[in-house]
C-alpha cells in the first residue's frame, strides 16, 4: 500500500455518504465450474472488479453493518448486506494482497522498485 492509494481513496470518497474501497477491473478470464470442475460458463468480466484494501466507510454506518452482518468476507460486503452501495475507487496492481508465500517475493520486488511510481 502506497501513500497515494490512501490519498486517492480519501479524495474520491470525502463527500460520499456511504464510502467505498480500492478495486481494480478484473483482467483475467473467469470460469464458473460445476461440481466436477468442468467449465459451466465463462463469466463476462466487463463489470467485474477485484476488491482491494484499504476500504473506507462512515464509522457509525460501518459499525452497524458489521454488528448485523453474517457470513461476510470484508467490510464492503458487510455494508452491501446492510443494503448500501459502496463506491469503487480505481486502484492498481501494485497494491498487492499478501496471501501466499510467493506474494511476499512479489511485494518485496514492488517495494524495491517503486521509486518514481508516485501517482
Protein backbone atom coordinates (compact mmCIF):
# COMPACT_ATOMS: atom_id res chain seq x y z
CA UNK A 1 0.00 0.00 0.00
CA UNK A 2 1.43 3.33 -1.04
CA UNK A 3 0.55 6.77 0.31
CA UNK A 4 -1.05 7.76 -2.99
CA UNK A 5 -3.55 4.89 -2.66
CA UNK A 6 -4.79 6.35 0.62
CA UNK A 7 -4.75 9.91 -0.76
CA UNK A 8 -6.85 8.86 -3.76
CA UNK A 9 -9.33 6.97 -1.59
CA UNK A 10 -9.80 9.93 0.76
CA UNK A 11 -10.05 12.43 -2.11
CA UNK A 12 -12.67 10.43 -4.02
CA UNK A 13 -14.75 9.37 -1.01
CA UNK A 14 -14.59 12.50 1.15
CA UNK A 15 -18.13 13.52 0.26
CA UNK A 16 -19.61 10.07 -0.42
CA UNK A 17 -22.39 9.30 2.04
CA UNK A 18 -21.54 5.57 2.16
CA UNK A 19 -17.84 5.20 1.43
CA UNK A 20 -16.04 2.66 -0.68
CA UNK A 21 -12.95 0.71 -1.48
CA UNK A 22 -9.99 0.48 -3.77
CA UNK A 23 -10.50 -2.01 -6.59
CA UNK A 24 -9.10 -2.92 -9.99
CA UNK A 25 -11.00 -4.08 -13.07
CA UNK A 26 -10.74 -7.85 -13.48
CA UNK A 27 -8.26 -8.64 -16.25
CA UNK A 28 -8.34 -12.43 -16.20
CA UNK A 29 -10.90 -14.62 -17.93
CA UNK A 30 -13.13 -16.13 -15.26
CA UNK A 31 -14.73 -19.56 -15.47
CA UNK A 32 -17.66 -20.84 -13.43
CA UNK A 33 -17.30 -24.57 -12.70
CA UNK A 34 -19.79 -27.31 -11.96
CA UNK A 35 -19.37 -29.74 -9.05
CA UNK A 36 -16.95 -31.89 -11.09
CA UNK A 37 -14.81 -28.87 -12.01
CA UNK A 38 -15.95 -28.81 -15.62
CA UNK A 39 -16.41 -25.36 -17.10
CA UNK A 40 -20.06 -24.43 -16.82
CA UNK A 41 -19.69 -20.88 -18.15
CA UNK A 42 -17.31 -18.08 -18.94
CA UNK A 43 -18.22 -15.11 -16.78
CA UNK A 44 -18.30 -11.73 -18.58
CA UNK A 45 -15.74 -9.55 -16.84
CA UNK A 46 -16.72 -6.14 -18.22
CA UNK A 47 -18.38 -5.10 -14.95
CA UNK A 48 -16.29 -7.15 -12.50
CA UNK A 49 -13.79 -5.57 -10.12
CA UNK A 50 -11.29 -7.14 -7.72
CA UNK A 51 -11.63 -5.63 -4.26
CA UNK A 52 -8.53 -4.27 -2.57
CA UNK A 53 -7.72 -2.63 0.73
CA UNK A 54 -8.00 -0.23 2.32
CA UNK A 55 -11.73 0.18 2.48
CA UNK A 56 -13.18 3.41 3.89
CA UNK A 57 -16.69 3.88 5.28
CA UNK A 58 -18.54 6.23 7.61
CA UNK A 59 -17.83 4.90 11.11
CA UNK A 60 -21.37 4.60 12.52
CA UNK A 61 -22.65 3.04 9.30
CA UNK A 62 -19.79 0.53 9.18
CA UNK A 63 -20.17 -0.39 12.84
CA UNK A 64 -23.89 -1.09 12.42
CA UNK A 65 -23.25 -3.08 9.26
CA UNK A 66 -20.58 -5.22 10.95
CA UNK A 67 -22.72 -5.82 14.04
CA UNK A 68 -25.63 -7.13 11.96
CA UNK A 69 -23.59 -8.91 9.28
CA UNK A 70 -23.34 -12.67 8.94
CA UNK A 71 -21.01 -14.51 6.58
CA UNK A 72 -19.27 -11.50 5.06
CA UNK A 73 -15.79 -11.51 3.55
CA UNK A 74 -14.81 -7.90 4.21
CA UNK A 75 -16.12 -4.54 5.37
CA UNK A 76 -17.56 -3.76 1.93
CA UNK A 77 -19.64 -6.94 1.90
CA UNK A 78 -21.00 -6.06 5.35
CA UNK A 79 -22.03 -2.64 4.07
CA UNK A 80 -23.62 -4.27 1.00
CA UNK A 81 -25.51 -6.72 3.24
CA UNK A 82 -26.93 -3.66 5.03
CA UNK A 83 -28.47 -2.60 1.71
CA UNK A 84 -25.92 0.10 0.87
CA UNK A 85 -23.81 0.51 -2.26
CA UNK A 86 -20.09 1.17 -1.71
CA UNK A 87 -18.26 3.13 -4.38
CA UNK A 88 -15.30 1.62 -6.25
CA UNK A 89 -12.17 3.75 -6.46
CA UNK A 90 -9.72 2.50 -9.06
CA UNK A 91 -6.52 1.23 -7.51
CA UNK A 92 -3.67 -0.55 -9.26
CA UNK A 93 -1.88 -3.87 -9.31
CA UNK A 94 0.95 -2.63 -7.08
CA UNK A 95 -1.50 -2.63 -4.15
CA UNK A 96 -0.80 -6.30 -3.57
CA UNK A 97 -2.65 -8.59 -1.19
CA UNK A 98 -0.17 -10.93 0.50
CA UNK A 99 -1.86 -14.32 0.79
CA UNK A 100 0.71 -16.88 -0.34
CA UNK A 101 4.49 -17.13 0.23
CA UNK A 102 5.17 -16.18 -3.40
CA UNK A 103 3.24 -12.94 -2.81
CA UNK A 104 5.97 -11.86 -0.36
CA UNK A 105 8.59 -12.06 -3.12
CA UNK A 106 6.42 -10.01 -5.45
CA UNK A 107 5.72 -7.46 -2.70
CA UNK A 108 9.44 -7.16 -1.98
CA UNK A 109 10.15 -6.55 -5.68
CA UNK A 110 7.43 -3.88 -5.87
CA UNK A 111 8.76 -2.13 -2.75
CA UNK A 112 12.32 -2.18 -4.08
CA UNK A 113 11.30 -0.84 -7.49
CA UNK A 114 8.54 1.65 -6.78
CA UNK A 115 10.63 4.85 -6.82
CA UNK A 116 9.09 7.20 -9.33
CA UNK A 117 5.77 5.34 -9.30
CA UNK A 118 4.02 8.07 -7.27
CA UNK A 119 0.62 8.81 -8.75
